[in-house]
Amino acid sequence: MPKKKRTKQERTQLRLQKAKQWVLTYKGSHIVRAYRKRFQVDYSCALRDLEAIGAIPPERLATLKAAEEIRLQKKREDRESKQLPSMWEHNPDCDDTFFYIAGYTSGGAPYGVTWEEMGMTPYENLEEGLDLD
């Protein structure tokens, strides 16, 4: 007869029971790192679990949570900056006068849609990720 798969709540309760015993035997100085490795959970889950079993003092827990939030915010900003290319890479067919340069005359003068015709100032909403395609 196959084993019944445990629910998320059951797995959490079982992990917390094991964690209580594990914390008593832990002798290192990096408890969050060791907990993550031992129980295969992410950083925020490890902090939640260690808080639930009382393994970390509240003031240290607050500093760890704040540091994690700063790390996640920086990671999010880095990911967003990589996803949004600069204005020139995204839309090379524009300049300070033209919103979109459709082409060039035989003399080399550009023609197309100006920023004024679009009712915008140069590069107004483009840096926030406005997709022109």
Protein backbone atom coordinates (compact mmCIF):
# COMPACT_ATOMS: atom_id res chain seq x y z
CA MET A 1 0.00 0.00 0.00
CA PRO A 2 1.53 3.36 -1.05
CA LYS A 3 2.32 5.99 1.54
CA LYS A 4 -0.07 8.89 1.84
CA LYS A 5 1.59 12.19 1.00
CA ARG A 6 1.68 14.56 3.95
CA THR A 7 0.03 17.96 3.75
CA LYS A 8 2.06 21.13 4.08
CA GLN A 9 0.87 21.65 7.66
CA GLU A 10 1.83 18.09 8.60
CA ARG A 11 5.28 18.49 7.06
CA THR A 12 5.77 21.78 8.92
CA GLN A 13 4.74 20.29 12.26
CA LEU A 14 7.03 17.31 11.75
CA ARG A 15 9.90 19.61 10.79
CA LEU A 16 9.33 21.76 13.88
CA GLN A 17 9.35 18.69 16.13
CA LYS A 18 12.63 17.53 14.62
CA ALA A 19 14.02 21.06 14.79
CA LYS A 20 13.44 21.27 18.55
CA GLN A 21 15.64 18.22 19.03
CA TRP A 22 18.19 19.40 16.50
CA VAL A 23 18.61 22.83 18.15
CA LEU A 24 19.48 21.16 21.45
CA THR A 25 22.40 19.35 19.81
CA TYR A 26 23.60 22.22 17.56
CA LYS A 27 26.96 23.64 18.63
CA GLY A 28 27.91 25.99 15.77
CA SER A 29 27.56 29.76 15.46
CA HIS A 30 25.60 29.97 12.16
CA ILE A 31 22.32 28.42 13.23
CA VAL A 32 20.21 29.83 10.38
CA ARG A 33 22.63 28.58 7.71
CA ALA A 34 22.86 25.16 9.33
CA TYR A 35 19.07 24.94 9.73
CA ARG A 36 18.57 25.78 6.06
CA LYS A 37 21.04 23.11 5.01
CA ARG A 38 19.69 20.48 7.41
CA PHE A 39 15.98 20.93 6.62
CA GLN A 40 16.24 22.16 3.00
CA VAL A 41 14.22 25.37 3.48
CA ASP A 42 14.75 28.97 2.37
CA TYR A 43 15.99 31.78 4.58
CA SER A 44 12.62 33.24 5.54
CA CYS A 45 11.21 29.80 6.38
CA ALA A 46 14.26 29.06 8.54
CA LEU A 47 13.78 32.33 10.42
CA ARG A 48 10.07 31.59 10.94
CA ASP A 49 10.77 28.09 12.22
CA LEU A 50 13.60 29.15 14.51
CA GLU A 51 11.38 31.91 15.88
CA ALA A 52 8.54 29.43 16.47
CA ILE A 53 10.74 27.11 18.52
CA GLY A 54 12.44 29.99 20.35
CA ALA A 55 15.98 29.27 19.15
CA ILE A 56 16.84 32.89 18.27
CA PRO A 57 16.44 35.88 20.61
CA PRO A 58 13.87 38.45 19.35
CA GLU A 59 16.38 41.30 18.91
CA ARG A 60 18.70 39.14 16.79
CA LEU A 61 15.72 37.85 14.84
CA ALA A 62 14.69 41.43 14.00
CA THR A 63 18.17 42.26 12.67
CA LEU A 64 18.28 39.06 10.61
CA LYS A 65 14.86 39.79 9.09
CA ALA A 66 15.86 43.37 8.27
CA ALA A 67 19.09 42.19 6.62
CA GLU A 68 17.18 39.60 4.58
CA GLU A 69 14.66 42.22 3.44
CA ILE A 70 17.49 44.50 2.30
CA ARG A 71 19.12 41.61 0.44
CA LEU A 72 15.86 40.69 -1.31
CA GLN A 73 15.20 44.33 -2.26
CA LYS A 74 18.69 44.65 -3.78
CA LYS A 75 18.23 41.37 -5.65
CA ARG A 76 14.85 42.56 -6.97
CA GLU A 77 16.35 45.88 -8.14
CA ASP A 78 19.24 44.09 -9.87
CA ARG A 79 16.84 41.74 -11.65
CA GLU A 80 14.63 44.64 -12.79
CA SER A 81 17.60 46.64 -14.04
CA LYS A 82 18.74 43.67 -16.13
CA GLN A 83 15.23 43.16 -17.54
CA LEU A 84 14.74 46.78 -18.57
CA PRO A 85 17.41 47.75 -21.06
CA SER A 86 18.37 51.36 -21.29
CA MET A 87 16.26 53.68 -23.39
CA TRP A 88 18.81 53.71 -26.21
CA GLU A 89 19.02 49.93 -26.44
CA HIS A 90 15.25 49.54 -26.27
CA ASN A 91 14.34 52.18 -28.83
CA PRO A 92 17.31 53.45 -30.81
CA ASP A 93 14.94 55.18 -33.27
CA CYS A 94 14.39 58.28 -31.12
CA ASP A 95 16.24 61.38 -30.00
CA ASP A 96 15.53 64.63 -28.16
CA THR A 97 13.23 65.87 -30.94
CA PHE A 98 11.60 62.72 -32.30
CA PHE A 99 9.63 60.13 -30.33
CA TYR A 100 10.01 57.76 -33.27
CA ILE A 101 12.29 58.30 -36.26
CA ALA A 102 10.59 56.70 -39.26
CA GLY A 103 13.45 57.39 -41.63
CA TYR A 104 15.86 59.91 -43.06
CA THR A 105 15.59 62.19 -46.07
CA SER A 106 18.17 62.05 -48.85
CA GLY A 107 19.91 65.00 -47.20
CA GLY A 108 20.15 63.08 -43.89
CA ALA A 109 17.45 64.90 -41.92
CA PRO A 110 15.28 62.62 -39.76
CA TYR A 111 11.50 62.52 -40.03
CA GLY A 112 8.83 60.84 -37.94
CA VAL A 113 6.66 61.45 -34.87
CA THR A 114 7.83 64.20 -32.51
CA TRP A 115 7.52 64.16 -28.73
CA GLU A 116 5.18 67.15 -28.96
CA GLU A 117 2.85 65.28 -31.32
CA MET A 118 2.73 62.43 -28.79
CA GLY A 119 1.87 64.93 -26.05
CA MET A 120 4.93 63.95 -24.02
CA THR A 121 8.18 65.42 -22.92
CA PRO A 122 11.31 63.55 -24.06
CA TYR A 123 11.69 60.12 -22.41
CA GLU A 124 8.81 60.83 -20.00
CA ASN A 125 7.35 57.34 -19.49
CA LEU A 126 9.91 55.27 -21.30
CA GLU A 127 12.23 54.64 -18.36
CA GLU A 128 9.35 53.14 -16.33
CA GLY A 129 9.14 50.31 -18.84
CA LEU A 130 6.63 51.53 -21.40
CA ASP A 131 6.79 48.98 -24.19
CA LEU A 132 6.82 50.66 -27.58
CA ASP A 133 6.64 47.48 -29.64
